[in-house]
């Protein structure tokens, strides 16, 4: 009789230890394996923003002097103003052509060079 109770107790102990081990493994698997740090993301975003700005400055007939570029996780937002309305869609097309850009939000407006519009 004591042997049966001892085997039952041993079975319960084995079940509990296996269950806790399986739970610990599954919770470890939930953690992101290679999540980039905030510092690395900022550096990547900064480089992408500079790449887009450089591409805009090289675009034929585009005035980049009052255009601002913000990048976050591949999504680029263009703000500011340009003196010629044709430059607004041109900026978006140039930005879309930069490697690493996943989407472009174009908030550029038509304005004067001195900021009066």
PDB file of N, CA and C in Angstrom:
ATOM      1  N   UNK A   1       0.810  -1.180   0.000  1.00  0.00           N
ATOM      2  CA  UNK A   1       0.000   0.000   0.000  1.00  0.00           C
ATOM      3  C   UNK A   1       0.857   1.248   0.000  1.00  0.00           C
ATOM      4  N   UNK A   2       1.932   1.238   0.812  1.00  0.00           N
ATOM      5  CA  UNK A   2       2.819   2.378   0.860  1.00  0.00           C
ATOM      6  C   UNK A   2       3.517   2.570  -0.476  1.00  0.00           C
ATOM      7  N   UNK A   3       3.791   1.499  -1.181  1.00  0.00           N
ATOM      8  CA  UNK A   3       4.474   1.588  -2.474  1.00  0.00           C
ATOM      9  C   UNK A   3       3.581   2.288  -3.501  1.00  0.00           C
ATOM     10  N   UNK A   4       2.285   2.019  -3.461  1.00  0.00           N
ATOM     11  CA  UNK A   4       1.361   2.635  -4.416  1.00  0.00           C
ATOM     12  C   UNK A   4       1.264   4.138  -4.138  1.00  0.00           C
ATOM     13  N   UNK A   5       1.160   4.501  -2.862  1.00  0.00           N
ATOM     14  CA  UNK A   5       1.100   5.920  -2.526  1.00  0.00           C
ATOM     15  C   UNK A   5       2.401   6.630  -2.912  1.00  0.00           C
ATOM     16  N   UNK A   6       3.500   5.939  -2.726  1.00  0.00           N
ATOM     17  CA  UNK A   6       4.800   6.505  -3.079  1.00  0.00           C
ATOM     18  C   UNK A   6       4.891   6.709  -4.592  1.00  0.00           C
ATOM     19  N   UNK A   7       4.401   5.756  -5.392  1.00  0.00           N
ATOM     20  CA  UNK A   7       4.420   5.893  -6.849  1.00  0.00           C
ATOM     21  C   UNK A   7       3.495   7.024  -7.300  1.00  0.00           C
ATOM     22  N   UNK A   8       2.341   7.170  -6.666  1.00  0.00           N
ATOM     23  CA  UNK A   8       1.433   8.265  -7.000  1.00  0.00           C
ATOM     24  C   UNK A   8       2.100   9.616  -6.724  1.00  0.00           C
ATOM     25  N   UNK A   9       2.724   9.734  -5.570  1.00  0.00           N
ATOM     26  CA  UNK A   9       3.402  10.978  -5.210  1.00  0.00           C
ATOM     27  C   UNK A   9       4.533  11.269  -6.188  1.00  0.00           C
ATOM     28  N   UNK A  10       5.286  10.242  -6.540  1.00  0.00           N
ATOM     29  CA  UNK A  10       6.379  10.399  -7.498  1.00  0.00           C
ATOM     30  C   UNK A  10       5.828  10.825  -8.864  1.00  0.00           C
ATOM     31  N   UNK A  11       4.697  10.262  -9.272  1.00  0.00           N
ATOM     32  CA  UNK A  11       4.068  10.625 -10.539  1.00  0.00           C
ATOM     33  C   UNK A  11       3.636  12.084 -10.551  1.00  0.00           C
ATOM     34  N   UNK A  12       3.075  12.549  -9.426  1.00  0.00           N
ATOM     35  CA  UNK A  12       2.656  13.947  -9.319  1.00  0.00           C
ATOM     36  C   UNK A  12       3.877  14.867  -9.412  1.00  0.00           C
ATOM     37  N   UNK A  13       4.945  14.512  -8.743  1.00  0.00           N
ATOM     38  CA  UNK A  13       6.159  15.328  -8.772  1.00  0.00           C
ATOM     39  C   UNK A  13       6.714  15.399 -10.196  1.00  0.00           C
ATOM     40  N   UNK A  14       6.728  14.284 -10.893  1.00  0.00           N
ATOM     41  CA  UNK A  14       7.230  14.254 -12.275  1.00  0.00           C
ATOM     42  C   UNK A  14       6.341  15.115 -13.175  1.00  0.00           C
ATOM     43  N   UNK A  15       5.034  15.001 -13.032  1.00  0.00           N
ATOM     44  CA  UNK A  15       4.114  15.804 -13.851  1.00  0.00           C
ATOM     45  C   UNK A  15       4.317  17.298 -13.610  1.00  0.00           C
ATOM     46  N   UNK A  16       4.449  17.696 -12.360  1.00  0.00           N
ATOM     47  CA  UNK A  16       4.636  19.110 -12.039  1.00  0.00           C
ATOM     48  C   UNK A  16       5.956  19.615 -12.602  1.00  0.00           C
ATOM     49  N   UNK A  17       7.016  18.843 -12.471  1.00  0.00           N
ATOM     50  CA  UNK A  17       8.314  19.307 -12.966  1.00  0.00           C
ATOM     51  C   UNK A  17       8.328  19.385 -14.489  1.00  0.00           C
ATOM     52  N   UNK A  18       7.687  18.443 -15.183  1.00  0.00           N
ATOM     53  CA  UNK A  18       7.614  18.490 -16.644  1.00  0.00           C
ATOM     54  C   UNK A  18       6.772  19.690 -17.093  1.00  0.00           C
ATOM     55  N   UNK A  19       5.667  19.930 -16.424  1.00  0.00           N
ATOM     56  CA  UNK A  19       4.803  21.046 -16.792  1.00  0.00           C
ATOM     57  C   UNK A  19       5.513  22.379 -16.586  1.00  0.00           C
ATOM     58  N   UNK A  20       6.213  22.543 -15.484  1.00  0.00           N
ATOM     59  CA  UNK A  20       6.909  23.814 -15.249  1.00  0.00           C
ATOM     60  C   UNK A  20       8.064  23.994 -16.220  1.00  0.00           C
ATOM     61  N   UNK A  21       8.716  22.929 -16.592  1.00  0.00           N
ATOM     62  CA  UNK A  21       9.796  23.004 -17.568  1.00  0.00           C
ATOM     63  C   UNK A  21       9.251  23.397 -18.934  1.00  0.00           C
ATOM     64  N   UNK A  22       8.136  22.813 -19.328  1.00  0.00           N
ATOM     65  CA  UNK A  22       7.524  23.145 -20.618  1.00  0.00           C
ATOM     66  C   UNK A  22       7.050  24.591 -20.626  1.00  0.00           C
ATOM     67  N   UNK A  23       6.507  25.073 -19.527  1.00  0.00           N
ATOM     68  CA  UNK A  23       6.048  26.457 -19.455  1.00  0.00           C
ATOM     69  C   UNK A  23       7.233  27.415 -19.578  1.00  0.00           C
ATOM     70  N   UNK A  24       8.321  27.106 -18.908  1.00  0.00           N
ATOM     71  CA  UNK A  24       9.498  27.971 -18.957  1.00  0.00           C
ATOM     72  C   UNK A  24      10.051  28.040 -20.378  1.00  0.00           C
ATOM     73  N   UNK A  25      10.061  26.938 -21.094  1.00  0.00           N
ATOM     74  CA  UNK A  25      10.566  26.937 -22.460  1.00  0.00           C
ATOM     75  C   UNK A  25       9.656  27.731 -23.378  1.00  0.00           C
ATOM     76  N   UNK A  26       8.346  27.586 -23.220  1.00  0.00           N
ATOM     77  CA  UNK A  26       7.442  28.301 -24.120  1.00  0.00           C
ATOM     78  C   UNK A  26       7.488  29.801 -23.863  1.00  0.00           C
ATOM     79  N   UNK A  27       7.672  30.235 -22.623  1.00  0.00           N
ATOM     80  CA  UNK A  27       7.746  31.666 -22.365  1.00  0.00           C
ATOM     81  C   UNK A  27       9.050  32.243 -22.896  1.00  0.00           C
ATOM     82  N   UNK A  28      10.126  31.480 -22.887  1.00  0.00           N
ATOM     83  CA  UNK A  28      11.378  31.936 -23.477  1.00  0.00           C
ATOM     84  C   UNK A  28      11.239  32.084 -24.981  1.00  0.00           C
ATOM     85  N   UNK A  29      10.465  31.203 -25.591  1.00  0.00           N
ATOM     86  CA  UNK A  29      10.295  31.255 -27.040  1.00  0.00           C
ATOM     87  C   UNK A  29       9.490  32.480 -27.450  1.00  0.00           C
ATOM     88  N   UNK A  30       8.688  33.022 -26.531  1.00  0.00           N
ATOM     89  CA  UNK A  30       7.877  34.188 -26.845  1.00  0.00           C
ATOM     90  C   UNK A  30       8.720  35.459 -26.933  1.00  0.00           C
ATOM     91  N   UNK A  31       9.865  35.496 -26.256  1.00  0.00           N
ATOM     92  CA  UNK A  31      10.702  36.693 -26.261  1.00  0.00           C
ATOM     93  C   UNK A  31      11.314  36.883 -27.646  1.00  0.00           C
ATOM     94  N   UNK A  32      11.363  38.126 -28.137  1.00  0.00           N
ATOM     95  CA  UNK A  32      11.961  38.356 -29.446  1.00  0.00           C
ATOM     96  C   UNK A  32      13.438  37.989 -29.433  1.00  0.00           C
ATOM     97  N   UNK A  33      13.842  37.237 -30.426  1.00  0.00           N
ATOM     98  CA  UNK A  33      15.210  36.721 -30.462  1.00  0.00           C
ATOM     99  C   UNK A  33      16.216  37.824 -30.765  1.00  0.00           C
ATOM    100  N   UNK A  34      15.905  38.669 -31.727  1.00  0.00           N
ATOM    101  CA  UNK A  34      16.887  39.663 -32.117  1.00  0.00           C
ATOM    102  C   UNK A  34      16.226  41.028 -32.308  1.00  0.00           C
ATOM    103  N   UNK A  35      15.525  41.479 -31.301  1.00  0.00           N
ATOM    104  CA  UNK A  35      14.887  42.788 -31.392  1.00  0.00           C
ATOM    105  C   UNK A  35      15.967  43.859 -31.358  1.00  0.00           C
ATOM    106  N   UNK A  36      15.975  44.741 -32.350  1.00  0.00           N
ATOM    107  CA  UNK A  36      17.008  45.778 -32.357  1.00  0.00           C
ATOM    108  C   UNK A  36      16.795  46.769 -31.216  1.00  0.00           C
ATOM    109  N   UNK A  37      17.884  47.279 -30.700  1.00  0.00           N
ATOM    110  CA  UNK A  37      17.783  48.223 -29.599  1.00  0.00           C
ATOM    111  C   UNK A  37      17.269  49.568 -30.105  1.00  0.00           C
ATOM    112  N   UNK A  38      16.799  50.377 -29.180  1.00  0.00           N
ATOM    113  CA  UNK A  38      16.288  51.703 -29.542  1.00  0.00           C
ATOM    114  C   UNK A  38      17.385  52.550 -30.164  1.00  0.00           C
ATOM    115  N   UNK A  39      18.593  52.398 -29.661  1.00  0.00           N
ATOM    116  CA  UNK A  39      19.726  53.166 -30.190  1.00  0.00           C
ATOM    117  C   UNK A  39      20.015  52.767 -31.639  1.00  0.00           C
ATOM    118  N   UNK A  40      19.963  51.475 -31.910  1.00  0.00           N
ATOM    119  CA  UNK A  40      20.206  50.996 -33.277  1.00  0.00           C
ATOM    120  C   UNK A  40      19.103  51.453 -34.219  1.00  0.00           C
ATOM    121  N   UNK A  41      17.853  51.457 -33.734  1.00  0.00           N
ATOM    122  CA  UNK A  41      16.734  51.916 -34.564  1.00  0.00           C
ATOM    123  C   UNK A  41      16.873  53.400 -34.891  1.00  0.00           C
ATOM    124  N   UNK A  42      17.271  54.200 -33.901  1.00  0.00           N
ATOM    125  CA  UNK A  42      17.456  55.632 -34.143  1.00  0.00           C
ATOM    126  C   UNK A  42      18.547  55.870 -35.173  1.00  0.00           C
ATOM    127  N   UNK A  43      19.609  55.112 -35.065  1.00  0.00           N
ATOM    128  CA  UNK A  43      20.721  55.258 -36.008  1.00  0.00           C
ATOM    129  C   UNK A  43      20.266  54.889 -37.419  1.00  0.00           C
ATOM    130  N   UNK A  44      19.514  53.819 -37.543  1.00  0.00           N
ATOM    131  CA  UNK A  44      18.999  53.386 -38.841  1.00  0.00           C
ATOM    132  C   UNK A  44      18.041  54.421 -39.411  1.00  0.00           C
ATOM    133  N   UNK A  45      17.148  54.950 -38.565  1.00  0.00           N
ATOM    134  CA  UNK A  45      16.195  55.964 -39.011  1.00  0.00           C
ATOM    135  C   UNK A  45      16.916  57.237 -39.447  1.00  0.00           C
ATOM    136  N   UNK A  46      17.923  57.626 -38.692  1.00  0.00           N
ATOM    137  CA  UNK A  46      18.680  58.835 -39.029  1.00  0.00           C
ATOM    138  C   UNK A  46      19.374  58.669 -40.382  1.00  0.00           C
ATOM    139  N   UNK A  47      19.971  57.508 -40.600  1.00  0.00           N
ATOM    140  CA  UNK A  47      20.659  57.255 -41.868  1.00  0.00           C
ATOM    141  C   UNK A  47      19.665  57.253 -43.028  1.00  0.00           C
ATOM    142  N   UNK A  48      18.517  56.641 -42.839  1.00  0.00           N
ATOM    143  CA  UNK A  48      17.515  56.620 -43.901  1.00  0.00           C
ATOM    144  C   UNK A  48      17.038  58.035 -44.219  1.00  0.00           C
ATOM    145  N   UNK A  49      16.797  58.838 -43.197  1.00  0.00           N
ATOM    146  CA  UNK A  49      16.386  60.220 -43.411  1.00  0.00           C
ATOM    147  C   UNK A  49      17.431  61.008 -44.195  1.00  0.00           C
ATOM    148  N   UNK A  50      18.693  60.811 -43.840  1.00  0.00           N
ATOM    149  CA  UNK A  50      19.777  61.490 -44.565  1.00  0.00           C
ATOM    150  C   UNK A  50      19.877  60.999 -46.004  1.00  0.00           C
ATOM    151  N   UNK A  51      19.668  59.690 -46.219  1.00  0.00           N
ATOM    152  CA  UNK A  51      19.704  59.140 -47.573  1.00  0.00           C
ATOM    153  C   UNK A  51      18.602  59.745 -48.446  1.00  0.00           C
ATOM    154  N   UNK A  52      17.414  59.898 -47.871  1.00  0.00           N
ATOM    155  CA  UNK A  52      16.299  60.489 -48.623  1.00  0.00           C
ATOM    156  C   UNK A  52      16.610  61.950 -48.925  1.00  0.00           C
ATOM    157  N   UNK A  53      17.104  62.670 -47.943  1.00  0.00           N
ATOM    158  CA  UNK A  53      17.431  64.087 -48.163  1.00  0.00           C
ATOM    159  C   UNK A  53      18.510  64.233 -49.230  1.00  0.00           C
ATOM    160  N   UNK A  54      19.503  63.369 -49.195  1.00  0.00           N
ATOM    161  CA  UNK A  54      20.569  63.404 -50.202  1.00  0.00           C
ATOM    162  C   UNK A  54      20.002  63.130 -51.592  1.00  0.00           C
ATOM    163  N   UNK A  55      19.088  62.161 -51.681  1.00  0.00           N
ATOM    164  CA  UNK A  55      18.474  61.845 -52.976  1.00  0.00           C
ATOM    165  C   UNK A  55      17.647  63.028 -53.476  1.00  0.00           C
ATOM    166  N   UNK A  56      16.947  63.706 -52.577  1.00  0.00           N
ATOM    167  CA  UNK A  56      16.159  64.879 -52.970  1.00  0.00           C
ATOM    168  C   UNK A  56      17.072  66.002 -53.465  1.00  0.00           C
ATOM    169  N   UNK A  57      18.207  66.181 -52.793  1.00  0.00           N
ATOM    170  CA  UNK A  57      19.115  67.256 -53.193  1.00  0.00           C
ATOM    171  C   UNK A  57      19.749  66.992 -54.551  1.00  0.00           C
ATOM    172  N   UNK A  58      19.853  65.716 -54.934  1.00  0.00           N
ATOM    173  CA  UNK A  58      20.432  65.360 -56.234  1.00  0.00           C
ATOM    174  C   UNK A  58      19.393  65.337 -57.350  1.00  0.00           C
ATOM    175  N   UNK A  59      18.123  65.406 -57.002  1.00  0.00           N
ATOM    176  CA  UNK A  59      17.066  65.351 -58.008  1.00  0.00           C
ATOM    177  C   UNK A  59      17.107  66.620 -58.865  1.00  0.00           C
ATOM    178  N   UNK A  60      16.976  66.428 -60.166  1.00  0.00           N
ATOM    179  CA  UNK A  60      17.041  67.536 -61.111  1.00  0.00           C
ATOM    180  C   UNK A  60      15.900  68.522 -60.881  1.00  0.00           C
ATOM    181  N   UNK A  61      16.225  69.787 -60.625  1.00  0.00           N
ATOM    182  CA  UNK A  61      15.226  70.830 -60.495  1.00  0.00           C
ATOM    183  C   UNK A  61      14.438  70.811 -59.202  1.00  0.00           C
ATOM    184  N   UNK A  62      14.946  70.145 -58.180  1.00  0.00           N
ATOM    185  CA  UNK A  62      14.215  70.084 -56.907  1.00  0.00           C
ATOM    186  C   UNK A  62      14.882  70.989 -55.890  1.00  0.00           C
ATOM    187  N   UNK A  63      14.101  71.826 -55.238  1.00  0.00           N
ATOM    188  CA  UNK A  63      14.599  72.738 -54.212  1.00  0.00           C
ATOM    189  C   UNK A  63      14.368  72.112 -52.836  1.00  0.00           C
ATOM    190  N   UNK A  64      15.443  71.633 -52.215  1.00  0.00           N
ATOM    191  CA  UNK A  64      15.340  70.899 -50.956  1.00  0.00           C
ATOM    192  C   UNK A  64      15.534  71.815 -49.739  1.00  0.00           C
ATOM    193  N   UNK A  65      15.741  73.096 -49.970  1.00  0.00           N
ATOM    194  CA  UNK A  65      16.134  73.998 -48.886  1.00  0.00           C
ATOM    195  C   UNK A  65      15.095  74.127 -47.770  1.00  0.00           C
ATOM    196  N   UNK A  66      13.817  73.925 -48.057  1.00  0.00           N
ATOM    197  CA  UNK A  66      12.796  74.074 -47.022  1.00  0.00           C
ATOM    198  C   UNK A  66      11.977  72.786 -46.861  1.00  0.00           C
ATOM    199  N   UNK A  67      12.622  71.661 -47.141  1.00  0.00           N
ATOM    200  CA  UNK A  67      11.965  70.354 -47.012  1.00  0.00           C
ATOM    201  C   UNK A  67      12.620  69.593 -45.869  1.00  0.00           C
ATOM    202  N   UNK A  68      11.789  68.987 -45.049  1.00  0.00           N
ATOM    203  CA  UNK A  68      12.274  68.230 -43.898  1.00  0.00           C
ATOM    204  C   UNK A  68      11.862  66.774 -44.039  1.00  0.00           C
ATOM    205  N   UNK A  69      12.785  65.887 -43.679  1.00  0.00           N
ATOM    206  CA  UNK A  69      12.573  64.449 -43.836  1.00  0.00           C
ATOM    207  C   UNK A  69      12.637  63.793 -42.470  1.00  0.00           C
ATOM    208  N   UNK A  70      11.635  62.972 -42.172  1.00  0.00           N
ATOM    209  CA  UNK A  70      11.643  62.185 -40.932  1.00  0.00           C
ATOM    210  C   UNK A  70      11.411  60.726 -41.294  1.00  0.00           C
ATOM    211  N   UNK A  71      12.265  59.859 -40.785  1.00  0.00           N
ATOM    212  CA  UNK A  71      12.139  58.430 -41.057  1.00  0.00           C
ATOM    213  C   UNK A  71      11.939  57.690 -39.745  1.00  0.00           C
ATOM    214  N   UNK A  72      11.060  56.698 -39.780  1.00  0.00           N
ATOM    215  CA  UNK A  72      10.827  55.870 -38.603  1.00  0.00           C
ATOM    216  C   UNK A  72      10.442  54.475 -39.067  1.00  0.00           C
ATOM    217  N   UNK A  73      11.365  53.546 -38.903  1.00  0.00           N
ATOM    218  CA  UNK A  73      11.095  52.161 -39.267  1.00  0.00           C
ATOM    219  C   UNK A  73      10.803  51.964 -40.748  1.00  0.00           C
ATOM    220  N   UNK A  74      11.430  52.737 -41.603  1.00  0.00           N
ATOM    221  CA  UNK A  74      11.216  52.608 -43.041  1.00  0.00           C
ATOM    222  C   UNK A  74      10.131  53.521 -43.583  1.00  0.00           C
ATOM    223  N   UNK A  75       9.300  54.063 -42.699  1.00  0.00           N
ATOM    224  CA  UNK A  75       8.246  54.990 -43.118  1.00  0.00           C
ATOM    225  C   UNK A  75       8.813  56.408 -43.101  1.00  0.00           C
ATOM    226  N   UNK A  76       8.707  57.089 -44.224  1.00  0.00           N
ATOM    227  CA  UNK A  76       9.271  58.430 -44.372  1.00  0.00           C
ATOM    228  C   UNK A  76       8.146  59.453 -44.448  1.00  0.00           C
ATOM    229  N   UNK A  77       8.310  60.562 -43.711  1.00  0.00           N
ATOM    230  CA  UNK A  77       7.371  61.677 -43.780  1.00  0.00           C
ATOM    231  C   UNK A  77       8.119  62.895 -44.295  1.00  0.00           C
ATOM    232  N   UNK A  78       7.569  63.496 -45.334  1.00  0.00           N
ATOM    233  CA  UNK A  78       8.139  64.707 -45.917  1.00  0.00           C
ATOM    234  C   UNK A  78       7.265  65.887 -45.514  1.00  0.00           C
ATOM    235  N   UNK A  79       7.876  66.944 -44.972  1.00  0.00           N
ATOM    236  CA  UNK A  79       7.150  68.153 -44.595  1.00  0.00           C
ATOM    237  C   UNK A  79       7.907  69.360 -45.120  1.00  0.00           C
ATOM    238  N   UNK A  80       7.294  70.519 -45.010  1.00  0.00           N
ATOM    239  CA  UNK A  80       7.931  71.743 -45.460  1.00  0.00           C
ATOM    240  C   UNK A  80       7.197  72.304 -46.660  1.00  0.00           C
ATOM    241  N   UNK A  81       7.903  73.141 -47.421  1.00  0.00           N
ATOM    242  CA  UNK A  81       7.278  73.739 -48.590  1.00  0.00           C
ATOM    243  C   UNK A  81       8.280  73.838 -49.733  1.00  0.00           C
ATOM    244  N   UNK A  82       7.732  73.902 -50.937  1.00  0.00           N
ATOM    245  CA  UNK A  82       8.534  74.046 -52.156  1.00  0.00           C
ATOM    246  C   UNK A  82       7.944  75.193 -52.974  1.00  0.00           C
ATOM    247  N   UNK A  83       8.761  75.864 -53.776  1.00  0.00           N
ATOM    248  CA  UNK A  83       8.270  77.003 -54.546  1.00  0.00           C
ATOM    249  C   UNK A  83       7.477  76.622 -55.798  1.00  0.00           C
ATOM    250  N   UNK A  84       7.586  75.369 -56.220  1.00  0.00           N
ATOM    251  CA  UNK A  84       6.926  74.935 -57.455  1.00  0.00           C
ATOM    252  C   UNK A  84       6.056  73.709 -57.150  1.00  0.00           C
ATOM    253  N   UNK A  85       4.793  73.760 -57.536  1.00  0.00           N
ATOM    254  CA  UNK A  85       3.862  72.667 -57.261  1.00  0.00           C
ATOM    255  C   UNK A  85       4.273  71.335 -57.866  1.00  0.00           C
ATOM    256  N   UNK A  86       5.027  71.345 -58.955  1.00  0.00           N
ATOM    257  CA  UNK A  86       5.467  70.095 -59.584  1.00  0.00           C
ATOM    258  C   UNK A  86       6.476  69.348 -58.724  1.00  0.00           C
ATOM    259  N   UNK A  87       7.087  70.055 -57.783  1.00  0.00           N
ATOM    260  CA  UNK A  87       8.084  69.412 -56.918  1.00  0.00           C
ATOM    261  C   UNK A  87       7.453  68.546 -55.828  1.00  0.00           C
ATOM    262  N   UNK A  88       6.175  68.757 -55.552  1.00  0.00           N
ATOM    263  CA  UNK A  88       5.519  67.988 -54.481  1.00  0.00           C
ATOM    264  C   UNK A  88       5.444  66.499 -54.845  1.00  0.00           C
ATOM    265  N   UNK A  89       4.867  66.123 -55.996  1.00  0.00           N
ATOM    266  CA  UNK A  89       4.865  64.694 -56.335  1.00  0.00           C
ATOM    267  C   UNK A  89       6.266  64.174 -56.675  1.00  0.00           C
ATOM    268  N   UNK A  90       7.130  65.060 -57.168  1.00  0.00           N
ATOM    269  CA  UNK A  90       8.507  64.651 -57.481  1.00  0.00           C
ATOM    270  C   UNK A  90       9.214  64.194 -56.206  1.00  0.00           C
ATOM    271  N   UNK A  91       9.012  64.903 -55.106  1.00  0.00           N
ATOM    272  CA  UNK A  91       9.649  64.550 -53.839  1.00  0.00           C
ATOM    273  C   UNK A  91       9.218  63.164 -53.384  1.00  0.00           C
ATOM    274  N   UNK A  92       7.939  62.880 -53.539  1.00  0.00           N
ATOM    275  CA  UNK A  92       7.427  61.578 -53.125  1.00  0.00           C
ATOM    276  C   UNK A  92       8.040  60.453 -53.965  1.00  0.00           C
ATOM    277  N   UNK A  93       8.118  60.660 -55.256  1.00  0.00           N
ATOM    278  CA  UNK A  93       8.687  59.634 -56.142  1.00  0.00           C
ATOM    279  C   UNK A  93      10.166  59.403 -55.846  1.00  0.00           C
ATOM    280  N   UNK A  94      10.909  60.470 -55.606  1.00  0.00           N
ATOM    281  CA  UNK A  94      12.332  60.336 -55.285  1.00  0.00           C
ATOM    282  C   UNK A  94      12.495  59.560 -53.979  1.00  0.00           C
ATOM    283  N   UNK A  95      11.689  59.908 -52.961  1.00  0.00           N
ATOM    284  CA  UNK A  95      11.789  59.245 -51.658  1.00  0.00           C
ATOM    285  C   UNK A  95      11.465  57.755 -51.770  1.00  0.00           C
ATOM    286  N   UNK A  96      10.457  57.410 -52.581  1.00  0.00           N
ATOM    287  CA  UNK A  96      10.085  56.002 -52.755  1.00  0.00           C
ATOM    288  C   UNK A  96      11.206  55.198 -53.396  1.00  0.00           C
ATOM    289  N   UNK A  97      12.069  55.862 -54.146  1.00  0.00           N
ATOM    290  CA  UNK A  97      13.164  55.172 -54.826  1.00  0.00           C
ATOM    291  C   UNK A  97      14.385  54.913 -53.964  1.00  0.00           C
ATOM    292  N   UNK A  98      14.397  55.406 -52.741  1.00  0.00           N
ATOM    293  CA  UNK A  98      15.546  55.220 -51.858  1.00  0.00           C
ATOM    294  C   UNK A  98      15.445  53.842 -51.191  1.00  0.00           C
ATOM    295  N   UNK A  99      16.514  53.047 -51.257  1.00  0.00           N
ATOM    296  CA  UNK A  99      16.488  51.721 -50.607  1.00  0.00           C
ATOM    297  C   UNK A  99      16.224  51.832 -49.107  1.00  0.00           C
ATOM    298  N   UNK A 100      15.313  51.010 -48.610  1.00  0.00           N
ATOM    299  CA  UNK A 100      14.963  51.009 -47.192  1.00  0.00           C
ATOM    300  C   UNK A 100      13.660  51.719 -46.898  1.00  0.00           C
ATOM    301  N   UNK A 101      13.173  52.506 -47.847  1.00  0.00           N
ATOM    302  CA  UNK A 101      11.913  53.217 -47.650  1.00  0.00           C
ATOM    303  C   UNK A 101      10.757  52.269 -47.930  1.00  0.00           C
ATOM    304  N   UNK A 102       9.856  52.110 -46.962  1.00  0.00           N
ATOM    305  CA  UNK A 102       8.709  51.221 -47.127  1.00  0.00           C
ATOM    306  C   UNK A 102       7.439  51.981 -47.462  1.00  0.00           C
ATOM    307  N   UNK A 103       7.341  53.229 -46.989  1.00  0.00           N
ATOM    308  CA  UNK A 103       6.172  54.057 -47.310  1.00  0.00           C
ATOM    309  C   UNK A 103       6.567  55.521 -47.207  1.00  0.00           C
ATOM    310  N   UNK A 104       5.807  56.371 -47.911  1.00  0.00           N
ATOM    311  CA  UNK A 104       6.074  57.809 -47.894  1.00  0.00           C
ATOM    312  C   UNK A 104       4.774  58.558 -47.612  1.00  0.00           C
ATOM    313  N   UNK A 105       4.815  59.441 -46.623  1.00  0.00           N
ATOM    314  CA  UNK A 105       3.716  60.358 -46.349  1.00  0.00           C
ATOM    315  C   UNK A 105       4.198  61.738 -46.772  1.00  0.00           C
ATOM    316  N   UNK A 106       3.518  62.307 -47.757  1.00  0.00           N
ATOM    317  CA  UNK A 106       3.946  63.578 -48.322  1.00  0.00           C
ATOM    318  C   UNK A 106       3.064  64.709 -47.788  1.00  0.00           C
ATOM    319  N   UNK A 107       3.639  65.540 -46.918  1.00  0.00           N
ATOM    320  CA  UNK A 107       2.918  66.679 -46.346  1.00  0.00           C
ATOM    321  C   UNK A 107       3.537  67.994 -46.816  1.00  0.00           C
ATOM    322  N   UNK A 108       4.235  67.954 -47.929  1.00  0.00           N
ATOM    323  CA  UNK A 108       4.861  69.155 -48.479  1.00  0.00           C
ATOM    324  C   UNK A 108       3.775  70.061 -49.050  1.00  0.00           C
ATOM    325  N   UNK A 109       3.926  71.347 -48.804  1.00  0.00           N
ATOM    326  CA  UNK A 109       2.960  72.328 -49.310  1.00  0.00           C
ATOM    327  C   UNK A 109       3.655  73.270 -50.286  1.00  0.00           C
ATOM    328  N   UNK A 110       2.843  74.007 -50.992  1.00  0.00           N
ATOM    329  CA  UNK A 110       3.346  74.995 -51.929  1.00  0.00           C
ATOM    330  C   UNK A 110       3.556  76.294 -51.166  1.00  0.00           C
ATOM    331  N   UNK A 111       4.755  76.840 -51.227  1.00  0.00           N
ATOM    332  CA  UNK A 111       5.047  78.066 -50.501  1.00  0.00           C
ATOM    333  C   UNK A 111       6.199  78.799 -51.131  1.00  0.00           C
ATOM    334  N   UNK A 112       6.516  79.948 -50.591  1.00  0.00           N
ATOM    335  CA  UNK A 112       7.611  80.745 -51.103  1.00  0.00           C
ATOM    336  C   UNK A 112       8.904  80.407 -50.377  1.00  0.00           C
ATOM    337  N   UNK A 113      10.015  80.777 -50.940  1.00  0.00           N
ATOM    338  CA  UNK A 113      11.322  80.479 -50.363  1.00  0.00           C
ATOM    339  C   UNK A 113      11.495  81.125 -49.005  1.00  0.00           C
ATOM    340  N   UNK A 114      10.952  82.325 -48.815  1.00  0.00           N
ATOM    341  CA  UNK A 114      11.113  83.035 -47.556  1.00  0.00           C
ATOM    342  C   UNK A 114      10.196  82.563 -46.449  1.00  0.00           C
ATOM    343  N   UNK A 115       9.356  81.568 -46.731  1.00  0.00           N
ATOM    344  CA  UNK A 115       8.469  81.017 -45.714  1.00  0.00           C
ATOM    345  C   UNK A 115       7.193  81.812 -45.547  1.00  0.00           C
ATOM    346  N   UNK A 116       6.879  82.707 -46.493  1.00  0.00           N
ATOM    347  CA  UNK A 116       5.692  83.527 -46.350  1.00  0.00           C
ATOM    348  C   UNK A 116       4.425  82.871 -46.851  1.00  0.00           C
ATOM    349  N   UNK A 117       4.478  81.607 -47.328  1.00  0.00           N
ATOM    350  CA  UNK A 117       3.269  81.022 -47.890  1.00  0.00           C
ATOM    351  C   UNK A 117       3.010  79.741 -47.333  1.00  0.00           C
TER     352      UNK A 117
END
